[in-house]
N, C-alpha and C. Protein backbone atom coordinates (compact mmCIF):
# COMPACT_ATOMS: atom_id res chain seq x y z
N MET A 1 -32.20 72.66 -129.87
CA MET A 1 -33.59 72.32 -129.98
C MET A 1 -33.75 70.86 -130.39
N VAL A 2 -32.91 70.41 -131.31
CA VAL A 2 -32.98 69.03 -131.77
C VAL A 2 -32.64 68.08 -130.62
N ARG A 3 -31.59 68.40 -129.90
CA ARG A 3 -31.19 67.53 -128.78
C ARG A 3 -32.29 67.49 -127.71
N PHE A 4 -32.91 68.64 -127.43
CA PHE A 4 -34.00 68.71 -126.46
C PHE A 4 -35.14 67.79 -126.91
N GLY A 5 -35.52 67.85 -128.17
CA GLY A 5 -36.57 66.99 -128.69
C GLY A 5 -36.21 65.52 -128.64
N PHE A 6 -34.94 65.22 -128.88
CA PHE A 6 -34.46 63.84 -128.83
C PHE A 6 -34.56 63.28 -127.41
N ILE A 7 -34.29 64.12 -126.42
CA ILE A 7 -34.32 63.67 -125.02
C ILE A 7 -35.76 63.57 -124.52
N THR A 8 -36.57 64.59 -124.78
CA THR A 8 -37.90 64.66 -124.18
C THR A 8 -39.00 64.00 -125.00
N GLY A 9 -38.83 63.96 -126.31
CA GLY A 9 -39.90 63.43 -127.16
C GLY A 9 -41.06 64.40 -127.32
N TRP A 10 -40.86 65.64 -126.92
CA TRP A 10 -41.94 66.62 -127.04
C TRP A 10 -42.12 67.04 -128.50
N ARG A 11 -43.31 67.48 -128.82
CA ARG A 11 -43.65 67.89 -130.18
C ARG A 11 -42.88 69.17 -130.53
N THR A 12 -42.22 69.15 -131.68
CA THR A 12 -41.32 70.24 -132.05
C THR A 12 -42.01 71.59 -132.16
N TYR A 13 -42.99 71.68 -133.03
CA TYR A 13 -43.56 72.99 -133.33
C TYR A 13 -44.51 73.52 -132.27
N SER A 14 -45.22 72.64 -131.58
CA SER A 14 -46.21 73.13 -130.61
C SER A 14 -45.70 73.14 -129.17
N GLU A 15 -44.62 72.40 -128.88
CA GLU A 15 -44.16 72.31 -127.49
C GLU A 15 -42.72 72.75 -127.28
N VAL A 16 -41.83 72.40 -128.18
CA VAL A 16 -40.41 72.73 -127.99
C VAL A 16 -40.10 74.15 -128.42
N LEU A 17 -40.45 74.51 -129.65
CA LEU A 17 -40.10 75.85 -130.14
C LEU A 17 -40.73 76.99 -129.34
N PRO A 18 -41.97 76.87 -128.86
CA PRO A 18 -42.53 77.97 -128.06
C PRO A 18 -42.05 77.99 -126.60
N LEU A 19 -41.23 77.02 -126.20
CA LEU A 19 -40.79 76.92 -124.81
C LEU A 19 -40.13 78.22 -124.33
N GLN A 20 -40.54 78.68 -123.15
CA GLN A 20 -40.00 79.92 -122.61
C GLN A 20 -39.26 79.67 -121.30
N ARG A 21 -38.44 80.64 -120.94
CA ARG A 21 -37.60 80.50 -119.74
C ARG A 21 -38.39 80.25 -118.48
N LEU A 22 -39.56 80.84 -118.36
CA LEU A 22 -40.34 80.66 -117.13
C LEU A 22 -40.83 79.23 -116.96
N GLN A 23 -40.68 78.41 -118.00
CA GLN A 23 -41.08 77.01 -117.92
C GLN A 23 -39.93 76.10 -117.48
N VAL A 24 -38.77 76.69 -117.31
CA VAL A 24 -37.58 75.93 -116.90
C VAL A 24 -37.27 76.26 -115.45
N ASP A 25 -37.25 75.23 -114.60
CA ASP A 25 -36.95 75.40 -113.18
C ASP A 25 -35.60 74.74 -112.90
N LEU A 26 -34.54 75.56 -112.98
CA LEU A 26 -33.19 75.03 -112.77
C LEU A 26 -33.00 74.55 -111.34
N LYS A 27 -33.57 75.27 -110.39
CA LYS A 27 -33.40 74.92 -108.98
C LYS A 27 -33.95 73.53 -108.66
N ASN A 28 -35.17 73.26 -109.13
CA ASN A 28 -35.82 71.98 -108.84
C ASN A 28 -35.57 70.92 -109.91
N GLY A 29 -34.96 71.32 -111.01
CA GLY A 29 -34.54 70.37 -112.02
C GLY A 29 -35.63 69.79 -112.90
N PHE A 30 -36.48 70.65 -113.44
CA PHE A 30 -37.47 70.16 -114.39
C PHE A 30 -37.89 71.27 -115.36
N VAL A 31 -38.47 70.86 -116.46
CA VAL A 31 -39.06 71.76 -117.44
C VAL A 31 -40.52 71.35 -117.56
N ARG A 32 -41.41 72.33 -117.73
CA ARG A 32 -42.84 71.99 -117.70
C ARG A 32 -43.60 72.66 -118.85
N LEU A 33 -44.66 72.00 -119.21
CA LEU A 33 -45.64 72.55 -120.14
C LEU A 33 -46.93 72.75 -119.36
N GLU A 34 -47.49 73.92 -119.46
CA GLU A 34 -48.70 74.24 -118.70
C GLU A 34 -49.93 73.56 -119.29
N PRO A 35 -50.91 73.23 -118.45
CA PRO A 35 -52.17 72.68 -118.98
C PRO A 35 -52.77 73.63 -120.01
N GLY A 36 -53.30 73.05 -121.07
CA GLY A 36 -53.89 73.85 -122.12
C GLY A 36 -52.93 74.21 -123.24
N THR A 37 -51.64 73.97 -123.05
CA THR A 37 -50.66 74.34 -124.08
C THR A 37 -50.19 73.14 -124.90
N THR A 38 -50.68 71.96 -124.57
CA THR A 38 -50.26 70.75 -125.27
C THR A 38 -51.39 70.21 -126.14
N LYS A 39 -51.06 69.29 -127.02
CA LYS A 39 -52.05 68.72 -127.92
C LYS A 39 -53.21 68.07 -127.15
N ASN A 40 -52.88 67.37 -126.08
CA ASN A 40 -53.93 66.71 -125.30
C ASN A 40 -54.46 67.59 -124.17
N ARG A 41 -54.02 68.85 -124.15
CA ARG A 41 -54.49 69.87 -123.20
C ARG A 41 -54.03 69.64 -121.77
N GLU A 42 -53.25 68.60 -121.53
CA GLU A 42 -52.76 68.31 -120.18
C GLU A 42 -51.37 68.89 -120.00
N GLY A 43 -51.08 69.37 -118.80
CA GLY A 43 -49.75 69.84 -118.50
C GLY A 43 -48.78 68.67 -118.42
N ARG A 44 -47.51 68.98 -118.42
CA ARG A 44 -46.50 67.93 -118.41
C ARG A 44 -45.23 68.46 -117.76
N VAL A 45 -44.53 67.57 -117.07
CA VAL A 45 -43.25 67.91 -116.45
C VAL A 45 -42.22 66.88 -116.91
N PHE A 46 -41.04 67.35 -117.24
CA PHE A 46 -39.95 66.45 -117.60
C PHE A 46 -38.77 66.77 -116.69
N PRO A 47 -38.41 65.85 -115.78
CA PRO A 47 -37.26 66.08 -114.90
C PRO A 47 -35.97 66.10 -115.71
N PHE A 48 -35.02 66.85 -115.24
CA PHE A 48 -33.73 66.96 -115.94
C PHE A 48 -32.96 65.65 -115.89
N THR A 49 -32.39 65.30 -117.01
CA THR A 49 -31.29 64.35 -117.04
C THR A 49 -30.04 65.22 -116.96
N PRO A 50 -28.87 64.67 -116.66
CA PRO A 50 -27.67 65.52 -116.65
C PRO A 50 -27.48 66.25 -117.98
N GLU A 51 -27.71 65.55 -119.09
CA GLU A 51 -27.54 66.17 -120.41
C GLU A 51 -28.55 67.29 -120.64
N LEU A 52 -29.78 67.07 -120.22
CA LEU A 52 -30.81 68.09 -120.39
C LEU A 52 -30.50 69.33 -119.56
N ARG A 53 -29.99 69.14 -118.36
CA ARG A 53 -29.60 70.29 -117.52
C ARG A 53 -28.53 71.12 -118.20
N ILE A 54 -27.49 70.46 -118.69
CA ILE A 54 -26.40 71.18 -119.36
C ILE A 54 -26.92 71.92 -120.58
N LEU A 55 -27.75 71.24 -121.36
CA LEU A 55 -28.30 71.85 -122.56
C LEU A 55 -29.09 73.12 -122.22
N LEU A 56 -29.95 73.05 -121.21
CA LEU A 56 -30.78 74.20 -120.84
C LEU A 56 -29.95 75.31 -120.20
N GLU A 57 -28.97 74.95 -119.40
CA GLU A 57 -28.08 75.98 -118.83
C GLU A 57 -27.33 76.70 -119.94
N ASP A 58 -26.86 75.96 -120.94
CA ASP A 58 -26.17 76.58 -122.07
C ASP A 58 -27.08 77.51 -122.85
N ARG A 59 -28.32 77.06 -123.09
CA ARG A 59 -29.27 77.89 -123.82
C ARG A 59 -29.62 79.17 -123.05
N LEU A 60 -29.77 79.03 -121.73
CA LEU A 60 -30.09 80.21 -120.92
C LEU A 60 -28.92 81.20 -120.93
N GLU A 61 -27.71 80.70 -120.89
CA GLU A 61 -26.54 81.57 -120.96
C GLU A 61 -26.47 82.28 -122.31
N TYR A 62 -26.71 81.55 -123.37
CA TYR A 62 -26.74 82.14 -124.72
C TYR A 62 -27.81 83.23 -124.79
N THR A 63 -28.97 82.96 -124.23
CA THR A 63 -30.06 83.94 -124.23
C THR A 63 -29.67 85.19 -123.46
N ARG A 64 -29.02 85.01 -122.31
CA ARG A 64 -28.57 86.18 -121.52
C ARG A 64 -27.57 87.03 -122.31
N ARG A 65 -26.67 86.38 -123.04
CA ARG A 65 -25.71 87.12 -123.87
C ARG A 65 -26.44 87.90 -124.97
N CYS A 66 -27.40 87.28 -125.62
CA CYS A 66 -28.19 87.96 -126.65
C CYS A 66 -28.94 89.16 -126.05
N GLU A 67 -29.48 88.98 -124.86
CA GLU A 67 -30.22 90.07 -124.21
C GLU A 67 -29.30 91.25 -123.92
N ARG A 68 -28.09 90.96 -123.42
CA ARG A 68 -27.14 92.05 -123.13
C ARG A 68 -26.78 92.82 -124.40
N ILE A 69 -26.55 92.10 -125.47
CA ILE A 69 -26.17 92.72 -126.74
C ILE A 69 -27.33 93.52 -127.32
N GLN A 70 -28.53 92.97 -127.27
CA GLN A 70 -29.69 93.60 -127.89
C GLN A 70 -30.44 94.57 -126.97
N GLY A 71 -30.15 94.48 -125.67
CA GLY A 71 -30.82 95.37 -124.73
C GLY A 71 -32.32 95.12 -124.61
N ARG A 72 -32.71 93.87 -124.71
CA ARG A 72 -34.13 93.53 -124.59
C ARG A 72 -34.26 92.13 -124.00
N ILE A 73 -35.45 91.83 -123.49
CA ILE A 73 -35.72 90.52 -122.90
C ILE A 73 -36.12 89.55 -124.02
N ILE A 74 -35.55 88.36 -123.97
CA ILE A 74 -35.87 87.30 -124.92
C ILE A 74 -36.49 86.16 -124.12
N PRO A 75 -37.77 85.90 -124.30
CA PRO A 75 -38.44 84.91 -123.46
C PRO A 75 -38.19 83.45 -123.86
N TRP A 76 -37.82 83.18 -125.12
CA TRP A 76 -37.75 81.81 -125.61
C TRP A 76 -36.44 81.12 -125.24
N ILE A 77 -36.52 79.83 -125.09
CA ILE A 77 -35.32 79.02 -124.86
C ILE A 77 -34.61 78.81 -126.19
N PHE A 78 -35.36 78.48 -127.22
CA PHE A 78 -34.79 78.20 -128.53
C PHE A 78 -35.16 79.34 -129.48
N HIS A 79 -34.15 80.03 -129.94
CA HIS A 79 -34.35 81.19 -130.81
C HIS A 79 -33.13 81.37 -131.69
N ARG A 80 -33.29 82.18 -132.71
CA ARG A 80 -32.18 82.55 -133.59
C ARG A 80 -31.81 83.99 -133.28
N SER A 81 -30.78 84.17 -132.49
CA SER A 81 -30.31 85.50 -132.10
C SER A 81 -31.44 86.37 -131.57
N GLY A 82 -32.31 85.78 -130.77
CA GLY A 82 -33.39 86.55 -130.14
C GLY A 82 -34.70 86.51 -130.88
N ARG A 83 -34.70 86.00 -132.11
CA ARG A 83 -35.95 85.89 -132.88
C ARG A 83 -36.50 84.47 -132.72
N PRO A 84 -37.82 84.35 -132.51
CA PRO A 84 -38.40 83.01 -132.35
C PRO A 84 -38.22 82.19 -133.63
N ILE A 85 -38.05 80.91 -133.46
CA ILE A 85 -37.94 80.00 -134.60
C ILE A 85 -39.35 79.57 -134.98
N ARG A 86 -39.75 79.88 -136.18
CA ARG A 86 -41.10 79.53 -136.65
C ARG A 86 -41.06 78.26 -137.51
N GLN A 87 -40.04 78.15 -138.33
CA GLN A 87 -39.89 77.01 -139.22
C GLN A 87 -38.44 76.54 -139.20
N MET A 88 -38.25 75.27 -139.44
CA MET A 88 -36.87 74.77 -139.56
C MET A 88 -36.79 73.57 -140.50
N ARG A 89 -37.76 73.46 -141.36
CA ARG A 89 -37.78 72.33 -142.29
C ARG A 89 -36.54 72.32 -143.20
N ARG A 90 -36.19 73.48 -143.75
CA ARG A 90 -35.01 73.54 -144.63
C ARG A 90 -33.74 73.22 -143.86
N SER A 91 -33.59 73.80 -142.68
CA SER A 91 -32.40 73.55 -141.86
C SER A 91 -32.30 72.07 -141.52
N TRP A 92 -33.43 71.47 -141.15
CA TRP A 92 -33.46 70.06 -140.80
C TRP A 92 -33.08 69.19 -141.99
N LYS A 93 -33.66 69.51 -143.14
CA LYS A 93 -33.38 68.74 -144.36
C LYS A 93 -31.90 68.83 -144.72
N THR A 94 -31.33 70.01 -144.63
CA THR A 94 -29.92 70.20 -144.93
C THR A 94 -29.04 69.46 -143.94
N ALA A 95 -29.38 69.53 -142.66
CA ALA A 95 -28.59 68.84 -141.63
C ALA A 95 -28.62 67.33 -141.84
N CYS A 96 -29.78 66.81 -142.17
CA CYS A 96 -29.90 65.36 -142.40
C CYS A 96 -29.11 64.95 -143.63
N LYS A 97 -29.19 65.75 -144.67
CA LYS A 97 -28.42 65.45 -145.89
C LYS A 97 -26.93 65.47 -145.60
N ASN A 98 -26.46 66.48 -144.87
CA ASN A 98 -25.04 66.59 -144.52
C ASN A 98 -24.57 65.46 -143.62
N ALA A 99 -25.48 64.93 -142.81
CA ALA A 99 -25.14 63.81 -141.92
C ALA A 99 -25.25 62.46 -142.63
N GLY A 100 -25.65 62.49 -143.89
CA GLY A 100 -25.81 61.25 -144.64
C GLY A 100 -27.07 60.49 -144.29
N LEU A 101 -28.07 61.21 -143.77
CA LEU A 101 -29.33 60.60 -143.37
C LEU A 101 -30.52 61.31 -144.03
N PRO A 102 -30.52 61.39 -145.35
CA PRO A 102 -31.63 62.10 -146.01
C PRO A 102 -32.96 61.39 -145.76
N GLY A 103 -34.02 62.17 -145.76
CA GLY A 103 -35.35 61.59 -145.60
C GLY A 103 -35.80 61.44 -144.15
N ARG A 104 -34.94 61.75 -143.19
CA ARG A 104 -35.37 61.70 -141.79
C ARG A 104 -36.35 62.83 -141.53
N LEU A 105 -37.27 62.57 -140.63
CA LEU A 105 -38.27 63.57 -140.27
C LEU A 105 -37.94 64.17 -138.91
N LEU A 106 -38.29 65.42 -138.73
CA LEU A 106 -38.11 66.05 -137.43
C LEU A 106 -38.90 65.30 -136.37
N HIS A 107 -40.03 64.76 -136.79
CA HIS A 107 -40.88 63.99 -135.86
C HIS A 107 -40.20 62.69 -135.42
N ASP A 108 -39.16 62.25 -136.13
CA ASP A 108 -38.41 61.06 -135.73
C ASP A 108 -37.77 61.24 -134.35
N LEU A 109 -37.55 62.49 -133.93
CA LEU A 109 -37.00 62.74 -132.59
C LEU A 109 -37.95 62.20 -131.52
N ARG A 110 -39.22 62.33 -131.76
CA ARG A 110 -40.23 61.83 -130.82
C ARG A 110 -40.16 60.31 -130.72
N ARG A 111 -40.02 59.67 -131.86
CA ARG A 111 -39.88 58.21 -131.87
C ARG A 111 -38.61 57.78 -131.15
N SER A 112 -37.53 58.51 -131.38
CA SER A 112 -36.26 58.18 -130.73
C SER A 112 -36.36 58.29 -129.22
N ALA A 113 -37.04 59.33 -128.76
CA ALA A 113 -37.19 59.51 -127.31
C ALA A 113 -37.99 58.35 -126.70
N VAL A 114 -39.05 57.95 -127.37
CA VAL A 114 -39.86 56.82 -126.87
C VAL A 114 -39.01 55.56 -126.83
N ARG A 115 -38.27 55.33 -127.89
CA ARG A 115 -37.40 54.14 -127.95
C ARG A 115 -36.36 54.18 -126.82
N ASN A 116 -35.77 55.34 -126.60
CA ASN A 116 -34.77 55.47 -125.53
C ASN A 116 -35.38 55.21 -124.16
N LEU A 117 -36.59 55.70 -123.93
CA LEU A 117 -37.26 55.45 -122.65
C LEU A 117 -37.55 53.96 -122.48
N GLU A 118 -37.99 53.31 -123.56
CA GLU A 118 -38.24 51.87 -123.52
C GLU A 118 -36.96 51.11 -123.21
N CYS A 119 -35.88 51.45 -123.92
CA CYS A 119 -34.59 50.77 -123.71
C CYS A 119 -34.04 51.00 -122.30
N ALA A 120 -34.36 52.15 -121.73
CA ALA A 120 -33.89 52.46 -120.38
C ALA A 120 -34.71 51.74 -119.31
N GLY A 121 -35.78 51.07 -119.73
CA GLY A 121 -36.60 50.34 -118.77
C GLY A 121 -37.62 51.19 -118.03
N VAL A 122 -37.89 52.40 -118.55
CA VAL A 122 -38.89 53.26 -117.93
C VAL A 122 -40.26 52.64 -118.17
N SER A 123 -41.07 52.59 -117.14
CA SER A 123 -42.39 51.97 -117.30
C SER A 123 -43.19 52.74 -118.36
N ARG A 124 -44.04 52.02 -119.04
CA ARG A 124 -44.82 52.61 -120.14
C ARG A 124 -45.68 53.77 -119.64
N SER A 125 -46.30 53.62 -118.49
CA SER A 125 -47.17 54.70 -117.99
C SER A 125 -46.38 55.97 -117.70
N VAL A 126 -45.19 55.83 -117.16
CA VAL A 126 -44.35 57.00 -116.87
C VAL A 126 -43.85 57.60 -118.17
N ALA A 127 -43.40 56.77 -119.10
CA ALA A 127 -42.91 57.26 -120.39
C ALA A 127 -44.01 58.02 -121.13
N MET A 128 -45.22 57.51 -121.08
CA MET A 128 -46.34 58.18 -121.74
C MET A 128 -46.59 59.54 -121.11
N LYS A 129 -46.47 59.64 -119.80
CA LYS A 129 -46.64 60.92 -119.11
C LYS A 129 -45.57 61.92 -119.55
N LEU A 130 -44.33 61.45 -119.65
CA LEU A 130 -43.22 62.32 -120.01
C LEU A 130 -43.34 62.84 -121.44
N THR A 131 -43.76 61.98 -122.35
CA THR A 131 -43.80 62.36 -123.76
C THR A 131 -45.14 62.96 -124.18
N GLY A 132 -46.16 62.77 -123.36
CA GLY A 132 -47.46 63.35 -123.67
C GLY A 132 -48.36 62.47 -124.51
N HIS A 133 -48.10 61.18 -124.52
CA HIS A 133 -48.98 60.27 -125.24
C HIS A 133 -50.17 59.92 -124.34
N LYS A 134 -51.35 60.12 -124.85
CA LYS A 134 -52.54 59.89 -124.04
C LYS A 134 -53.01 58.45 -124.11
N THR A 135 -52.82 57.80 -125.26
CA THR A 135 -53.29 56.43 -125.39
C THR A 135 -52.10 55.49 -125.64
N GLU A 136 -52.25 54.29 -125.13
CA GLU A 136 -51.18 53.30 -125.30
C GLU A 136 -51.06 52.85 -126.74
N SER A 137 -52.15 52.85 -127.47
CA SER A 137 -52.08 52.41 -128.87
C SER A 137 -51.21 53.36 -129.70
N VAL A 138 -51.33 54.65 -129.47
CA VAL A 138 -50.48 55.61 -130.19
C VAL A 138 -49.04 55.48 -129.70
N TYR A 139 -48.86 55.37 -128.41
CA TYR A 139 -47.52 55.22 -127.85
C TYR A 139 -46.80 54.02 -128.47
N ARG A 140 -47.51 52.90 -128.60
CA ARG A 140 -46.91 51.68 -129.15
C ARG A 140 -46.40 51.89 -130.57
N ARG A 141 -47.05 52.76 -131.33
CA ARG A 141 -46.59 53.05 -132.69
C ARG A 141 -45.22 53.73 -132.68
N TYR A 142 -44.90 54.39 -131.60
CA TYR A 142 -43.61 55.07 -131.48
C TYR A 142 -42.54 54.16 -130.90
N ALA A 143 -42.93 53.13 -130.19
CA ALA A 143 -41.98 52.22 -129.54
C ALA A 143 -41.44 51.22 -130.56
N ILE A 144 -40.58 51.69 -131.41
CA ILE A 144 -40.04 50.89 -132.51
C ILE A 144 -39.07 49.85 -131.97
N VAL A 145 -39.19 48.63 -132.50
CA VAL A 145 -38.28 47.55 -132.13
C VAL A 145 -37.19 47.47 -133.18
N SER A 146 -35.94 47.52 -132.75
CA SER A 146 -34.84 47.40 -133.71
C SER A 146 -34.54 45.94 -133.97
N GLU A 147 -33.75 45.68 -134.98
CA GLU A 147 -33.39 44.30 -135.33
C GLU A 147 -32.61 43.62 -134.21
N SER A 148 -31.86 44.39 -133.46
CA SER A 148 -31.04 43.78 -132.40
C SER A 148 -31.84 43.46 -131.14
N ASP A 149 -33.02 44.06 -130.97
CA ASP A 149 -33.82 43.83 -129.76
C ASP A 149 -34.16 42.36 -129.52
N PRO A 150 -34.66 41.64 -130.53
CA PRO A 150 -34.96 40.23 -130.29
C PRO A 150 -33.71 39.41 -129.94
N ARG A 151 -32.58 39.75 -130.53
CA ARG A 151 -31.33 39.05 -130.20
C ARG A 151 -30.93 39.30 -128.75
N GLU A 152 -31.05 40.55 -128.33
CA GLU A 152 -30.74 40.89 -126.94
C GLU A 152 -31.70 40.18 -125.99
N ALA A 153 -32.96 40.10 -126.36
CA ALA A 153 -33.95 39.40 -125.53
C ALA A 153 -33.59 37.92 -125.41
N ALA A 154 -33.18 37.32 -126.51
CA ALA A 154 -32.79 35.90 -126.49
C ALA A 154 -31.56 35.69 -125.61
N ALA A 155 -30.60 36.60 -125.70
CA ALA A 155 -29.40 36.49 -124.87
C ALA A 155 -29.74 36.62 -123.39
N LYS A 156 -30.64 37.53 -123.05
CA LYS A 156 -31.07 37.68 -121.66
C LYS A 156 -31.80 36.44 -121.18
N LEU A 157 -32.65 35.89 -122.03
CA LEU A 157 -33.38 34.69 -121.69
C LEU A 157 -32.42 33.53 -121.47
N ALA A 158 -31.43 33.41 -122.34
CA ALA A 158 -30.44 32.34 -122.21
C ALA A 158 -29.66 32.48 -120.91
N ALA A 159 -29.34 33.71 -120.52
CA ALA A 159 -28.59 33.92 -119.27
C ALA A 159 -29.42 33.49 -118.07
N VAL A 160 -30.70 33.75 -118.09
CA VAL A 160 -31.58 33.36 -117.00
C VAL A 160 -31.74 31.83 -116.98
N THR A 161 -31.90 31.24 -118.14
CA THR A 161 -32.08 29.79 -118.25
C THR A 161 -30.86 29.05 -117.76
N VAL A 162 -29.66 29.56 -118.06
CA VAL A 162 -28.41 28.92 -117.64
C VAL A 162 -28.26 28.97 -116.13
N GLU A 163 -28.72 30.06 -115.51
CA GLU A 163 -28.59 30.23 -114.07
C GLU A 163 -29.43 29.25 -113.29
N ARG A 164 -30.46 28.70 -113.87
CA ARG A 164 -31.39 27.82 -113.13
C ARG A 164 -30.87 26.47 -113.06
């Protein structure tokens, strides 16, 4: 679930945790949120990256194993042995502490996804569609600039200047 949020930038509690198998299209390679189920009420599609495909295939296989053992259908992609995940604040806090990153927020995954899209050169309008940001002003708050970004920009500028 954390990796999915890191890749897609989708909202954890309202979009990722309720995600169900019928929203995953393995054949065509995308996962979708239906209109009316998102904060801005608009539907959304996120095409698979290779990592996202593997992650979803693994989750679907895990779900199938749980279904065979329990003898029931489990609709969710992310669950704890067939039970929906309602909260994960304690688990998140413990994981961050164990990783030596106390104080991180689950919502930081959304910021990371926006940053990754920016670094990958994805146009802002497309990135906003993928992550579900309706306004550019809110999106810009998520597009965090790291300390190394200005240095990289200067190096790129210098390379262009030298070529002329």
